Amino acid sequence: MEVSLKIPVQDFNQDFIKSLKSVMKHFKSGELTITIKDQATPDLALESATDYETRLLTSIEELDKGKGVVFTKESLEAYVKDLVKE
């Protein structure tokens, strides 16, 4: 099963996290992906197949060049806390 949740940034708070933790207790294994999009980000559902392929190939090329970002849980928490301060 895969679930995709989209919530406004202002709703991502301690109450939401508590609810999410409660739901996650029902899964023995899995992963959680968090994506943060700026409102300036275009709606990818509207892009053409050609644009999607170009974006995908560019992303793969950037990953191959080492431009990816990896976070530990602790470093992600610190990064998010710094973002909230801005």
C-alpha atoms as a PDB file:
ATOM      1  CA  MET A   1       0.000   0.000   0.000  1.00  0.00           C
ATOM      2  CA  GLU A   2       1.211   3.491  -0.770  1.00  0.00           C
ATOM      3  CA  VAL A   3      -0.318   6.695   0.548  1.00  0.00           C
ATOM      4  CA  SER A   4       0.377  10.225  -0.614  1.00  0.00           C
ATOM      5  CA  LEU A   5      -0.565  13.091   1.700  1.00  0.00           C
ATOM      6  CA  LYS A   6      -0.524  16.734   0.653  1.00  0.00           C
ATOM      7  CA  ILE A   7      -0.938  19.270   3.421  1.00  0.00           C
ATOM      8  CA  PRO A   8      -0.259  22.988   3.699  1.00  0.00           C
ATOM      9  CA  VAL A   9       3.014  23.800   5.442  1.00  0.00           C
ATOM     10  CA  GLN A  10       1.144  25.574   8.256  1.00  0.00           C
ATOM     11  CA  ASP A  11      -0.666  22.293   9.087  1.00  0.00           C
ATOM     12  CA  PHE A  12       2.603  20.390   9.519  1.00  0.00           C
ATOM     13  CA  ASN A  13       2.758  20.709  13.285  1.00  0.00           C
ATOM     14  CA  GLN A  14       3.106  18.544  16.395  1.00  0.00           C
ATOM     15  CA  ASP A  15      -0.540  17.429  16.236  1.00  0.00           C
ATOM     16  CA  PHE A  16      -0.099  16.247  12.660  1.00  0.00           C
ATOM     17  CA  ILE A  17       3.124  14.437  13.559  1.00  0.00           C
ATOM     18  CA  LYS A  18       1.366  12.691  16.459  1.00  0.00           C
ATOM     19  CA  SER A  19      -1.421  11.562  14.129  1.00  0.00           C
ATOM     20  CA  LEU A  20       1.101  10.366  11.576  1.00  0.00           C
ATOM     21  CA  LYS A  21       3.003   8.402  14.211  1.00  0.00           C
ATOM     22  CA  SER A  22      -0.236   6.746  15.260  1.00  0.00           C
ATOM     23  CA  VAL A  23      -0.940   5.644  11.694  1.00  0.00           C
ATOM     24  CA  MET A  24       2.633   4.436  11.178  1.00  0.00           C
ATOM     25  CA  LYS A  25       2.353   2.069  14.155  1.00  0.00           C
ATOM     26  CA  HIS A  26       0.232  -0.182  11.934  1.00  0.00           C
ATOM     27  CA  PHE A  27       3.153  -0.795   9.569  1.00  0.00           C
ATOM     28  CA  LYS A  28       5.926  -3.199  10.529  1.00  0.00           C
ATOM     29  CA  SER A  29       8.307  -1.830   7.911  1.00  0.00           C
ATOM     30  CA  GLY A  30       8.326   0.731   5.165  1.00  0.00           C
ATOM     31  CA  GLU A  31       9.545   4.198   4.513  1.00  0.00           C
ATOM     32  CA  LEU A  32       8.294   7.745   4.791  1.00  0.00           C
ATOM     33  CA  THR A  33       9.095  10.356   2.155  1.00  0.00           C
ATOM     34  CA  ILE A  34       8.682  14.043   2.908  1.00  0.00           C
ATOM     35  CA  THR A  35       8.670  16.495   0.019  1.00  0.00           C
ATOM     36  CA  ILE A  36       8.529  20.239   0.517  1.00  0.00           C
ATOM     37  CA  LYS A  37       7.426  22.306  -2.477  1.00  0.00           C
ATOM     38  CA  ASP A  38       7.590  26.040  -2.780  1.00  0.00           C
ATOM     39  CA  GLN A  39       4.376  27.535  -4.134  1.00  0.00           C
ATOM     40  CA  ALA A  40       6.464  28.757  -7.055  1.00  0.00           C
ATOM     41  CA  THR A  41       7.008  25.127  -8.099  1.00  0.00           C
ATOM     42  CA  PRO A  42       4.986  24.327 -11.223  1.00  0.00           C
ATOM     43  CA  ASP A  43       2.294  21.656 -11.086  1.00  0.00           C
ATOM     44  CA  LEU A  44       4.121  18.628 -12.463  1.00  0.00           C
ATOM     45  CA  ALA A  45       0.848  16.912 -13.327  1.00  0.00           C
ATOM     46  CA  LEU A  46       0.485  19.428 -16.158  1.00  0.00           C
ATOM     47  CA  GLU A  47       3.908  18.901 -17.749  1.00  0.00           C
ATOM     48  CA  SER A  48       4.278  17.141 -21.077  1.00  0.00           C
ATOM     49  CA  ALA A  49       5.845  13.701 -21.458  1.00  0.00           C
ATOM     50  CA  THR A  50       8.844  15.322 -23.157  1.00  0.00           C
ATOM     51  CA  ASP A  51       9.325  17.816 -20.323  1.00  0.00           C
ATOM     52  CA  TYR A  52       9.021  15.002 -17.775  1.00  0.00           C
ATOM     53  CA  GLU A  53      11.654  12.928 -19.564  1.00  0.00           C
ATOM     54  CA  THR A  54      14.008  15.904 -19.799  1.00  0.00           C
ATOM     55  CA  ARG A  55      13.565  16.664 -16.088  1.00  0.00           C
ATOM     56  CA  LEU A  56      14.109  13.004 -15.182  1.00  0.00           C
ATOM     57  CA  LEU A  57      17.270  12.668 -17.288  1.00  0.00           C
ATOM     58  CA  THR A  58      18.628  15.918 -15.858  1.00  0.00           C
ATOM     59  CA  SER A  59      18.004  14.647 -12.324  1.00  0.00           C
ATOM     60  CA  ILE A  60      19.779  11.359 -13.049  1.00  0.00           C
ATOM     61  CA  GLU A  61      22.715  13.241 -14.553  1.00  0.00           C
ATOM     62  CA  GLU A  62      22.947  15.483 -11.468  1.00  0.00           C
ATOM     63  CA  LEU A  63      22.848  12.463  -9.138  1.00  0.00           C
ATOM     64  CA  ASP A  64      25.614  10.817 -11.169  1.00  0.00           C
ATOM     65  CA  LYS A  65      27.680  13.983 -10.700  1.00  0.00           C
ATOM     66  CA  GLY A  66      27.230  13.739  -6.917  1.00  0.00           C
ATOM     67  CA  LYS A  67      24.760  16.596  -6.632  1.00  0.00           C
ATOM     68  CA  GLY A  68      22.320  14.562  -4.512  1.00  0.00           C
ATOM     69  CA  VAL A  69      21.714  15.347  -0.857  1.00  0.00           C
ATOM     70  CA  VAL A  70      21.618  12.726   1.894  1.00  0.00           C
ATOM     71  CA  PHE A  71      20.320  13.429   5.393  1.00  0.00           C
ATOM     72  CA  THR A  72      20.484  11.423   8.569  1.00  0.00           C
ATOM     73  CA  LYS A  73      17.426  11.787  10.781  1.00  0.00           C
ATOM     74  CA  GLU A  74      19.363  14.113  13.069  1.00  0.00           C
ATOM     75  CA  SER A  75      20.752  16.280  10.286  1.00  0.00           C
ATOM     76  CA  LEU A  76      17.285  16.551   8.705  1.00  0.00           C
ATOM     77  CA  GLU A  77      15.808  17.696  12.021  1.00  0.00           C
ATOM     78  CA  ALA A  78      18.561  20.325  12.363  1.00  0.00           C
ATOM     79  CA  TYR A  79      18.035  21.461   8.755  1.00  0.00           C
ATOM     80  CA  VAL A  80      14.270  21.801   9.205  1.00  0.00           C
ATOM     81  CA  LYS A  81      14.724  23.713  12.485  1.00  0.00           C
ATOM     82  CA  ASP A  82      17.026  26.153  10.656  1.00  0.00           C
ATOM     83  CA  LEU A  83      14.412  26.598   7.916  1.00  0.00           C
ATOM     84  CA  VAL A  84      11.717  27.343  10.477  1.00  0.00           C
ATOM     85  CA  LYS A  85      13.879  30.097  12.008  1.00  0.00           C
ATOM     86  CA  GLU A  86      14.022  31.977   8.665  1.00  0.00           C
END
